[in-house]
Amino acid sequence: MLLQWRVFDFPPRPDPYLWLALPLGGMLVLSLLGTLLGARLVQRRGLLGQDFG
């Protein structure tokens, strides 16, 4: 913390909006990637639209 404050001249505390925006942004990116990769895997394996009953 001393390094960021004295050398790089960053504020000693991050912006409160970052505490909300960064985790939500990370969740959004992971959700989108998981959905895209999962849908691609299901289509490749031919499981989409099959009746398992």
PDB file of N, CA and C in Angstrom:
ATOM      1  N   MET A   1       0.822  -1.184   0.000  1.00  0.00           N
ATOM      2  CA  MET A   1       0.000   0.000   0.000  1.00  0.00           C
ATOM      3  C   MET A   1       0.865   1.247   0.000  1.00  0.00           C
ATOM      4  N   LEU A   2       1.965   1.197   0.707  1.00  0.00           N
ATOM      5  CA  LEU A   2       2.873   2.336   0.730  1.00  0.00           C
ATOM      6  C   LEU A   2       3.455   2.576  -0.653  1.00  0.00           C
ATOM      7  N   LEU A   3       3.749   1.494  -1.370  1.00  0.00           N
ATOM      8  CA  LEU A   3       4.300   1.601  -2.717  1.00  0.00           C
ATOM      9  C   LEU A   3       3.295   2.249  -3.674  1.00  0.00           C
ATOM     10  N   GLN A   4       2.065   1.832  -3.606  1.00  0.00           N
ATOM     11  CA  GLN A   4       1.070   2.409  -4.512  1.00  0.00           C
ATOM     12  C   GLN A   4       0.794   3.869  -4.191  1.00  0.00           C
ATOM     13  N   TRP A   5       0.920   4.245  -2.956  1.00  0.00           N
ATOM     14  CA  TRP A   5       0.610   5.610  -2.567  1.00  0.00           C
ATOM     15  C   TRP A   5       1.780   6.557  -2.855  1.00  0.00           C
ATOM     16  N   ARG A   6       2.997   6.146  -2.542  1.00  0.00           N
ATOM     17  CA  ARG A   6       4.140   7.041  -2.695  1.00  0.00           C
ATOM     18  C   ARG A   6       4.781   6.988  -4.082  1.00  0.00           C
ATOM     19  N   VAL A   7       4.927   5.808  -4.640  1.00  0.00           N
ATOM     20  CA  VAL A   7       5.636   5.682  -5.911  1.00  0.00           C
ATOM     21  C   VAL A   7       4.709   5.933  -7.090  1.00  0.00           C
ATOM     22  N   PHE A   8       3.572   5.280  -7.096  1.00  0.00           N
ATOM     23  CA  PHE A   8       2.685   5.365  -8.247  1.00  0.00           C
ATOM     24  C   PHE A   8       1.617   6.433  -8.108  1.00  0.00           C
ATOM     25  N   ASP A   9       1.519   7.065  -6.985  1.00  0.00           N
ATOM     26  CA  ASP A   9       0.575   8.154  -6.726  1.00  0.00           C
ATOM     27  C   ASP A   9      -0.879   7.724  -6.951  1.00  0.00           C
ATOM     28  N   PHE A  10      -1.198   6.507  -6.553  1.00  0.00           N
ATOM     29  CA  PHE A  10      -2.577   6.036  -6.574  1.00  0.00           C
ATOM     30  C   PHE A  10      -3.258   6.484  -5.293  1.00  0.00           C
ATOM     31  N   PRO A  11      -4.561   6.631  -5.322  1.00  0.00           N
ATOM     32  CA  PRO A  11      -5.241   6.921  -4.058  1.00  0.00           C
ATOM     33  C   PRO A  11      -5.094   5.729  -3.113  1.00  0.00           C
ATOM     34  N   PRO A  12      -5.044   5.966  -1.822  1.00  0.00           N
ATOM     35  CA  PRO A  12      -4.833   4.863  -0.879  1.00  0.00           C
ATOM     36  C   PRO A  12      -5.988   3.870  -0.822  1.00  0.00           C
ATOM     37  N   ARG A  13      -7.150   4.248  -1.307  1.00  0.00           N
ATOM     38  CA  ARG A  13      -8.314   3.372  -1.266  1.00  0.00           C
ATOM     39  C   ARG A  13      -8.948   3.290  -2.652  1.00  0.00           C
ATOM     40  N   PRO A  14      -9.356   2.108  -3.098  1.00  0.00           N
ATOM     41  CA  PRO A  14     -10.025   2.039  -4.393  1.00  0.00           C
ATOM     42  C   PRO A  14     -11.412   2.672  -4.339  1.00  0.00           C
ATOM     43  N   ASP A  15     -11.877   3.049  -5.472  1.00  0.00           N
ATOM     44  CA  ASP A  15     -13.191   3.654  -5.595  1.00  0.00           C
ATOM     45  C   ASP A  15     -14.259   2.647  -5.146  1.00  0.00           C
ATOM     46  N   PRO A  16     -15.250   3.053  -4.377  1.00  0.00           N
ATOM     47  CA  PRO A  16     -16.281   2.111  -3.915  1.00  0.00           C
ATOM     48  C   PRO A  16     -17.045   1.449  -5.055  1.00  0.00           C
ATOM     49  N   TYR A  17     -17.151   2.122  -6.190  1.00  0.00           N
ATOM     50  CA  TYR A  17     -17.850   1.524  -7.317  1.00  0.00           C
ATOM     51  C   TYR A  17     -17.088   0.319  -7.875  1.00  0.00           C
ATOM     52  N   LEU A  18     -15.770   0.330  -7.718  1.00  0.00           N
ATOM     53  CA  LEU A  18     -14.979  -0.814  -8.183  1.00  0.00           C
ATOM     54  C   LEU A  18     -15.304  -2.078  -7.394  1.00  0.00           C
ATOM     55  N   TRP A  19     -15.614  -1.921  -6.118  1.00  0.00           N
ATOM     56  CA  TRP A  19     -15.946  -3.076  -5.292  1.00  0.00           C
ATOM     57  C   TRP A  19     -17.224  -3.750  -5.790  1.00  0.00           C
ATOM     58  N   LEU A  20     -18.066  -3.020  -6.449  1.00  0.00           N
ATOM     59  CA  LEU A  20     -19.298  -3.571  -7.006  1.00  0.00           C
ATOM     60  C   LEU A  20     -19.125  -3.966  -8.470  1.00  0.00           C
ATOM     61  N   ALA A  21     -18.475  -3.114  -9.246  1.00  0.00           N
ATOM     62  CA  ALA A  21     -18.389  -3.328 -10.693  1.00  0.00           C
ATOM     63  C   ALA A  21     -17.475  -4.492 -11.068  1.00  0.00           C
ATOM     64  N   LEU A  22     -16.336  -4.638 -10.421  1.00  0.00           N
ATOM     65  CA  LEU A  22     -15.394  -5.685 -10.815  1.00  0.00           C
ATOM     66  C   LEU A  22     -15.916  -7.099 -10.541  1.00  0.00           C
ATOM     67  N   PRO A  23     -16.458  -7.401  -9.366  1.00  0.00           N
ATOM     68  CA  PRO A  23     -17.015  -8.748  -9.185  1.00  0.00           C
ATOM     69  C   PRO A  23     -18.197  -9.037 -10.094  1.00  0.00           C
ATOM     70  N   LEU A  24     -19.060  -8.044 -10.301  1.00  0.00           N
ATOM     71  CA  LEU A  24     -20.200  -8.258 -11.193  1.00  0.00           C
ATOM     72  C   LEU A  24     -19.746  -8.444 -12.632  1.00  0.00           C
ATOM     73  N   GLY A  25     -18.756  -7.683 -13.046  1.00  0.00           N
ATOM     74  CA  GLY A  25     -18.205  -7.844 -14.387  1.00  0.00           C
ATOM     75  C   GLY A  25     -17.554  -9.204 -14.577  1.00  0.00           C
ATOM     76  N   GLY A  26     -16.840  -9.659 -13.562  1.00  0.00           N
ATOM     77  CA  GLY A  26     -16.234 -10.990 -13.627  1.00  0.00           C
ATOM     78  C   GLY A  26     -17.270 -12.090 -13.699  1.00  0.00           C
ATOM     79  N   MET A  27     -18.334 -11.956 -12.925  1.00  0.00           N
ATOM     80  CA  MET A  27     -19.417 -12.947 -12.987  1.00  0.00           C
ATOM     81  C   MET A  27     -20.073 -12.955 -14.357  1.00  0.00           C
ATOM     82  N   LEU A  28     -20.247 -11.781 -14.938  1.00  0.00           N
ATOM     83  CA  LEU A  28     -20.857 -11.697 -16.260  1.00  0.00           C
ATOM     84  C   LEU A  28     -19.983 -12.365 -17.323  1.00  0.00           C
ATOM     85  N   VAL A  29     -18.685 -12.093 -17.286  1.00  0.00           N
ATOM     86  CA  VAL A  29     -17.771 -12.700 -18.260  1.00  0.00           C
ATOM     87  C   VAL A  29     -17.747 -14.210 -18.104  1.00  0.00           C
ATOM     88  N   LEU A  30     -17.643 -14.704 -16.886  1.00  0.00           N
ATOM     89  CA  LEU A  30     -17.612 -16.146 -16.659  1.00  0.00           C
ATOM     90  C   LEU A  30     -18.926 -16.808 -17.065  1.00  0.00           C
ATOM     91  N   SER A  31     -20.030 -16.151 -16.817  1.00  0.00           N
ATOM     92  CA  SER A  31     -21.331 -16.705 -17.212  1.00  0.00           C
ATOM     93  C   SER A  31     -21.463 -16.792 -18.726  1.00  0.00           C
ATOM     94  N   LEU A  32     -21.051 -15.744 -19.404  1.00  0.00           N
ATOM     95  CA  LEU A  32     -21.135 -15.749 -20.865  1.00  0.00           C
ATOM     96  C   LEU A  32     -20.223 -16.810 -21.471  1.00  0.00           C
ATOM     97  N   LEU A  33     -18.999 -16.904 -20.981  1.00  0.00           N
ATOM     98  CA  LEU A  33     -18.077 -17.912 -21.511  1.00  0.00           C
ATOM     99  C   LEU A  33     -18.568 -19.320 -21.218  1.00  0.00           C
ATOM    100  N   GLY A  34     -19.072 -19.549 -20.029  1.00  0.00           N
ATOM    101  CA  GLY A  34     -19.603 -20.864 -19.686  1.00  0.00           C
ATOM    102  C   GLY A  34     -20.797 -21.243 -20.541  1.00  0.00           C
ATOM    103  N   THR A  35     -21.656 -20.281 -20.795  1.00  0.00           N
ATOM    104  CA  THR A  35     -22.823 -20.544 -21.634  1.00  0.00           C
ATOM    105  C   THR A  35     -22.408 -20.856 -23.064  1.00  0.00           C
ATOM    106  N   LEU A  36     -21.505 -20.054 -23.606  1.00  0.00           N
ATOM    107  CA  LEU A  36     -21.067 -20.265 -24.982  1.00  0.00           C
ATOM    108  C   LEU A  36     -20.329 -21.591 -25.143  1.00  0.00           C
ATOM    109  N   LEU A  37     -19.411 -21.872 -24.241  1.00  0.00           N
ATOM    110  CA  LEU A  37     -18.640 -23.111 -24.349  1.00  0.00           C
ATOM    111  C   LEU A  37     -19.507 -24.333 -24.055  1.00  0.00           C
ATOM    112  N   GLY A  38     -20.430 -24.205 -23.124  1.00  0.00           N
ATOM    113  CA  GLY A  38     -21.331 -25.322 -22.814  1.00  0.00           C
ATOM    114  C   GLY A  38     -22.270 -25.624 -23.971  1.00  0.00           C
ATOM    115  N   ALA A  39     -22.809 -24.585 -24.604  1.00  0.00           N
ATOM    116  CA  ALA A  39     -23.701 -24.788 -25.748  1.00  0.00           C
ATOM    117  C   ALA A  39     -22.949 -25.403 -26.914  1.00  0.00           C
ATOM    118  N   ARG A  40     -21.717 -24.968 -27.123  1.00  0.00           N
ATOM    119  CA  ARG A  40     -20.909 -25.540 -28.202  1.00  0.00           C
ATOM    120  C   ARG A  40     -20.600 -27.012 -27.949  1.00  0.00           C
ATOM    121  N   LEU A  41     -20.326 -27.358 -26.712  1.00  0.00           N
ATOM    122  CA  LEU A  41     -20.043 -28.744 -26.363  1.00  0.00           C
ATOM    123  C   LEU A  41     -21.274 -29.616 -26.548  1.00  0.00           C
ATOM    124  N   VAL A  42     -22.422 -29.127 -26.145  1.00  0.00           N
ATOM    125  CA  VAL A  42     -23.661 -29.895 -26.285  1.00  0.00           C
ATOM    126  C   VAL A  42     -23.991 -30.091 -27.766  1.00  0.00           C
ATOM    127  N   GLN A  43     -23.795 -29.075 -28.578  1.00  0.00           N
ATOM    128  CA  GLN A  43     -24.068 -29.203 -30.010  1.00  0.00           C
ATOM    129  C   GLN A  43     -23.091 -30.174 -30.668  1.00  0.00           C
ATOM    130  N   ARG A  44     -21.850 -30.146 -30.266  1.00  0.00           N
ATOM    131  CA  ARG A  44     -20.837 -31.017 -30.848  1.00  0.00           C
ATOM    132  C   ARG A  44     -21.120 -32.484 -30.504  1.00  0.00           C
ATOM    133  N   ARG A  45     -21.567 -32.740 -29.293  1.00  0.00           N
ATOM    134  CA  ARG A  45     -21.831 -34.114 -28.870  1.00  0.00           C
ATOM    135  C   ARG A  45     -23.190 -34.620 -29.351  1.00  0.00           C
ATOM    136  N   GLY A  46     -24.007 -33.750 -29.894  1.00  0.00           N
ATOM    137  CA  GLY A  46     -25.299 -34.159 -30.413  1.00  0.00           C
ATOM    138  C   GLY A  46     -26.341 -34.412 -29.339  1.00  0.00           C
ATOM    139  N   LEU A  47     -26.186 -33.805 -28.174  1.00  0.00           N
ATOM    140  CA  LEU A  47     -27.123 -34.034 -27.086  1.00  0.00           C
ATOM    141  C   LEU A  47     -28.288 -33.060 -27.116  1.00  0.00           C
ATOM    142  N   LEU A  48     -28.187 -32.034 -27.942  1.00  0.00           N
ATOM    143  CA  LEU A  48     -29.223 -31.028 -27.991  1.00  0.00           C
ATOM    144  C   LEU A  48     -30.457 -31.594 -28.691  1.00  0.00           C
ATOM    145  N   GLY A  49     -31.580 -31.578 -28.020  1.00  0.00           N
ATOM    146  CA  GLY A  49     -32.820 -32.027 -28.607  1.00  0.00           C
ATOM    147  C   GLY A  49     -33.102 -33.515 -28.475  1.00  0.00           C
ATOM    148  N   GLN A  50     -32.249 -34.257 -27.802  1.00  0.00           N
ATOM    149  CA  GLN A  50     -32.504 -35.681 -27.624  1.00  0.00           C
ATOM    150  C   GLN A  50     -33.461 -35.900 -26.457  1.00  0.00           C
ATOM    151  N   ASP A  51     -34.263 -36.908 -26.566  1.00  0.00           N
ATOM    152  CA  ASP A  51     -35.189 -37.256 -25.485  1.00  0.00           C
ATOM    153  C   ASP A  51     -34.532 -38.336 -24.629  1.00  0.00           C
ATOM    154  N   PHE A  52     -34.329 -38.050 -23.357  1.00  0.00           N
ATOM    155  CA  PHE A  52     -33.672 -39.001 -22.471  1.00  0.00           C
ATOM    156  C   PHE A  52     -34.650 -39.849 -21.697  1.00  0.00           C
ATOM    157  N   GLY A  53     -35.946 -39.695 -21.958  1.00  0.00           N
ATOM    158  CA  GLY A  53     -36.933 -40.420 -21.188  1.00  0.00           C
ATOM    159  C   GLY A  53     -37.288 -41.672 -21.798  1.00  0.00           C
TER     160      GLY A  53
END
